[in-house]
Amino acid sequence: MAYVAKRNPKRCPTHPGALLREDIIPAVKRSKREIADLLGISRQHLHAILAEKKPVTPEVAVLLGKLFGDGPEIWVRMQGAYDTWQAQQKIDVRHIKPLVKAA
């Protein structure tokens, strides 16, 4: 039987920039400048992602997936989970009534 991890819905998912900043870049023992150069993006762009001020776009996800060998999907899913949680905190949907399926 497989274990399925459940995330606390009240806790914001990790921004992919935090994972890069805290775990991945230190583990590969490369400078942020070198990582930016290897990705072909500006240092400012990388720093904005690491500071969680910019999202990991699908284009950057493709670059990260190739550089770190894990594919773009993980990066897109992480960013999507982060963005969706943020939107759910900001957008009031109480006025929307769900449609009922026809029988």
C-alpha atoms as a PDB file:
ATOM      1  CA  MET A   1       0.000   0.000   0.000  1.00  0.00           C
ATOM      2  CA  ALA A   2       1.433   3.352  -1.059  1.00  0.00           C
ATOM      3  CA  TYR A   3       1.586   6.260   1.358  1.00  0.00           C
ATOM      4  CA  VAL A   4      -0.001   9.433   0.062  1.00  0.00           C
ATOM      5  CA  ALA A   5       1.302  12.598   1.679  1.00  0.00           C
ATOM      6  CA  LYS A   6      -1.360  15.124   2.608  1.00  0.00           C
ATOM      7  CA  ARG A   7      -0.471  18.791   2.737  1.00  0.00           C
ATOM      8  CA  ASN A   8      -2.088  21.018   5.305  1.00  0.00           C
ATOM      9  CA  PRO A   9      -4.429  23.220   3.200  1.00  0.00           C
ATOM     10  CA  LYS A  10      -3.870  26.142   5.582  1.00  0.00           C
ATOM     11  CA  ARG A  11      -0.134  26.126   4.870  1.00  0.00           C
ATOM     12  CA  CYS A  12       1.136  27.887   1.782  1.00  0.00           C
ATOM     13  CA  PRO A  13       2.958  25.549  -0.619  1.00  0.00           C
ATOM     14  CA  THR A  14       6.654  26.202  -1.029  1.00  0.00           C
ATOM     15  CA  HIS A  15       7.603  28.653  -3.765  1.00  0.00           C
ATOM     16  CA  PRO A  16      10.051  26.943  -6.148  1.00  0.00           C
ATOM     17  CA  GLY A  17      12.497  29.808  -5.569  1.00  0.00           C
ATOM     18  CA  ALA A  18      12.732  28.828  -1.894  1.00  0.00           C
ATOM     19  CA  LEU A  19      13.600  25.244  -2.860  1.00  0.00           C
ATOM     20  CA  LEU A  20      16.279  26.503  -5.232  1.00  0.00           C
ATOM     21  CA  ARG A  21      17.665  28.969  -2.674  1.00  0.00           C
ATOM     22  CA  GLU A  22      17.614  26.717   0.390  1.00  0.00           C
ATOM     23  CA  ASP A  23      18.292  23.236  -0.975  1.00  0.00           C
ATOM     24  CA  ILE A  24      19.236  22.835  -4.611  1.00  0.00           C
ATOM     25  CA  ILE A  25      21.791  25.576  -5.263  1.00  0.00           C
ATOM     26  CA  PRO A  26      23.705  24.843  -2.023  1.00  0.00           C
ATOM     27  CA  ALA A  27      23.656  21.110  -2.844  1.00  0.00           C
ATOM     28  CA  VAL A  28      25.211  21.585  -6.282  1.00  0.00           C
ATOM     29  CA  LYS A  29      27.878  23.908  -4.828  1.00  0.00           C
ATOM     30  CA  ARG A  30      27.611  26.459  -7.623  1.00  0.00           C
ATOM     31  CA  SER A  31      27.294  30.216  -7.330  1.00  0.00           C
ATOM     32  CA  LYS A  32      24.035  31.938  -8.185  1.00  0.00           C
ATOM     33  CA  ARG A  33      25.874  33.767 -10.941  1.00  0.00           C
ATOM     34  CA  GLU A  34      27.008  30.453 -12.429  1.00  0.00           C
ATOM     35  CA  ILE A  35      23.500  28.996 -12.195  1.00  0.00           C
ATOM     36  CA  ALA A  36      22.065  32.058 -13.977  1.00  0.00           C
ATOM     37  CA  ASP A  37      24.724  31.735 -16.696  1.00  0.00           C
ATOM     38  CA  LEU A  38      24.041  28.008 -17.117  1.00  0.00           C
ATOM     39  CA  LEU A  39      20.317  28.715 -17.410  1.00  0.00           C
ATOM     40  CA  GLY A  40      20.867  31.585 -19.827  1.00  0.00           C
ATOM     41  CA  ILE A  41      18.909  34.050 -17.698  1.00  0.00           C
ATOM     42  CA  SER A  42      20.040  37.261 -16.039  1.00  0.00           C
ATOM     43  CA  ARG A  43      21.308  37.253 -12.480  1.00  0.00           C
ATOM     44  CA  GLN A  44      18.542  39.713 -11.644  1.00  0.00           C
ATOM     45  CA  HIS A  45      15.906  37.303 -12.949  1.00  0.00           C
ATOM     46  CA  LEU A  46      17.347  34.424 -10.935  1.00  0.00           C
ATOM     47  CA  HIS A  47      17.587  36.564  -7.798  1.00  0.00           C
ATOM     48  CA  ALA A  48      13.941  37.635  -8.210  1.00  0.00           C
ATOM     49  CA  ILE A  49      12.904  33.961  -8.393  1.00  0.00           C
ATOM     50  CA  LEU A  50      15.050  33.084  -5.373  1.00  0.00           C
ATOM     51  CA  ALA A  51      13.506  36.014  -3.460  1.00  0.00           C
ATOM     52  CA  GLU A  52      10.048  34.678  -4.422  1.00  0.00           C
ATOM     53  CA  LYS A  53       9.261  37.930  -6.223  1.00  0.00           C
ATOM     54  CA  LYS A  54       8.951  36.324  -9.668  1.00  0.00           C
ATOM     55  CA  PRO A  55       7.344  33.028 -10.618  1.00  0.00           C
ATOM     56  CA  VAL A  56       9.036  30.116 -12.307  1.00  0.00           C
ATOM     57  CA  THR A  57       7.479  30.428 -15.764  1.00  0.00           C
ATOM     58  CA  PRO A  58       7.032  27.376 -17.990  1.00  0.00           C
ATOM     59  CA  GLU A  59      10.028  28.601 -20.011  1.00  0.00           C
ATOM     60  CA  VAL A  60      12.255  28.802 -16.918  1.00  0.00           C
ATOM     61  CA  ALA A  61      10.839  25.448 -15.745  1.00  0.00           C
ATOM     62  CA  VAL A  62      12.137  23.863 -18.964  1.00  0.00           C
ATOM     63  CA  LEU A  63      15.582  25.330 -18.276  1.00  0.00           C
ATOM     64  CA  LEU A  64      15.614  24.244 -14.628  1.00  0.00           C
ATOM     65  CA  GLY A  65      14.356  20.772 -15.534  1.00  0.00           C
ATOM     66  CA  LYS A  66      17.195  20.301 -18.004  1.00  0.00           C
ATOM     67  CA  LEU A  67      19.887  21.766 -15.738  1.00  0.00           C
ATOM     68  CA  PHE A  68      18.940  19.720 -12.684  1.00  0.00           C
ATOM     69  CA  GLY A  69      17.733  16.653 -14.600  1.00  0.00           C
ATOM     70  CA  ASP A  70      14.276  16.451 -13.053  1.00  0.00           C
ATOM     71  CA  GLY A  71      12.182  17.728 -15.959  1.00  0.00           C
ATOM     72  CA  PRO A  72      10.029  20.857 -16.115  1.00  0.00           C
ATOM     73  CA  GLU A  73       6.850  19.333 -14.694  1.00  0.00           C
ATOM     74  CA  ILE A  74       7.931  19.455 -11.040  1.00  0.00           C
ATOM     75  CA  TRP A  75       8.736  23.164 -11.336  1.00  0.00           C
ATOM     76  CA  VAL A  76       5.447  23.969 -13.075  1.00  0.00           C
ATOM     77  CA  ARG A  77       3.474  21.972 -10.467  1.00  0.00           C
ATOM     78  CA  MET A  78       5.237  23.708  -7.575  1.00  0.00           C
ATOM     79  CA  GLN A  79       4.607  27.159  -9.032  1.00  0.00           C
ATOM     80  CA  GLY A  80       0.995  26.270  -9.848  1.00  0.00           C
ATOM     81  CA  ALA A  81       0.332  25.042  -6.315  1.00  0.00           C
ATOM     82  CA  TYR A  82       1.887  28.202  -4.870  1.00  0.00           C
ATOM     83  CA  ASP A  83      -0.033  30.531  -7.212  1.00  0.00           C
ATOM     84  CA  THR A  84      -3.349  28.722  -6.679  1.00  0.00           C
ATOM     85  CA  TRP A  85      -3.036  28.843  -2.891  1.00  0.00           C
ATOM     86  CA  GLN A  86      -2.217  32.568  -3.045  1.00  0.00           C
ATOM     87  CA  ALA A  87      -5.255  33.222  -5.269  1.00  0.00           C
ATOM     88  CA  GLN A  88      -7.535  31.259  -2.948  1.00  0.00           C
ATOM     89  CA  GLN A  89      -6.465  33.488  -0.069  1.00  0.00           C
ATOM     90  CA  LYS A  90      -7.208  36.694  -2.000  1.00  0.00           C
ATOM     91  CA  ILE A  91     -10.333  35.986  -4.032  1.00  0.00           C
ATOM     92  CA  ASP A  92     -13.736  35.992  -2.367  1.00  0.00           C
ATOM     93  CA  VAL A  93     -15.936  33.365  -4.015  1.00  0.00           C
ATOM     94  CA  ARG A  94     -18.783  33.399  -1.476  1.00  0.00           C
ATOM     95  CA  HIS A  95     -21.077  35.114  -4.009  1.00  0.00           C
ATOM     96  CA  ILE A  96     -20.680  32.291  -6.550  1.00  0.00           C
ATOM     97  CA  LYS A  97     -23.237  29.513  -6.443  1.00  0.00           C
ATOM     98  CA  PRO A  98     -22.034  26.190  -7.865  1.00  0.00           C
ATOM     99  CA  LEU A  99     -23.934  24.907 -10.887  1.00  0.00           C
ATOM    100  CA  VAL A 100     -25.905  21.744 -10.311  1.00  0.00           C
ATOM    101  CA  LYS A 101     -25.349  18.907 -12.756  1.00  0.00           C
ATOM    102  CA  ALA A 102     -28.359  17.873 -14.821  1.00  0.00           C
ATOM    103  CA  ALA A 103     -29.635  14.412 -13.964  1.00  0.00           C
END
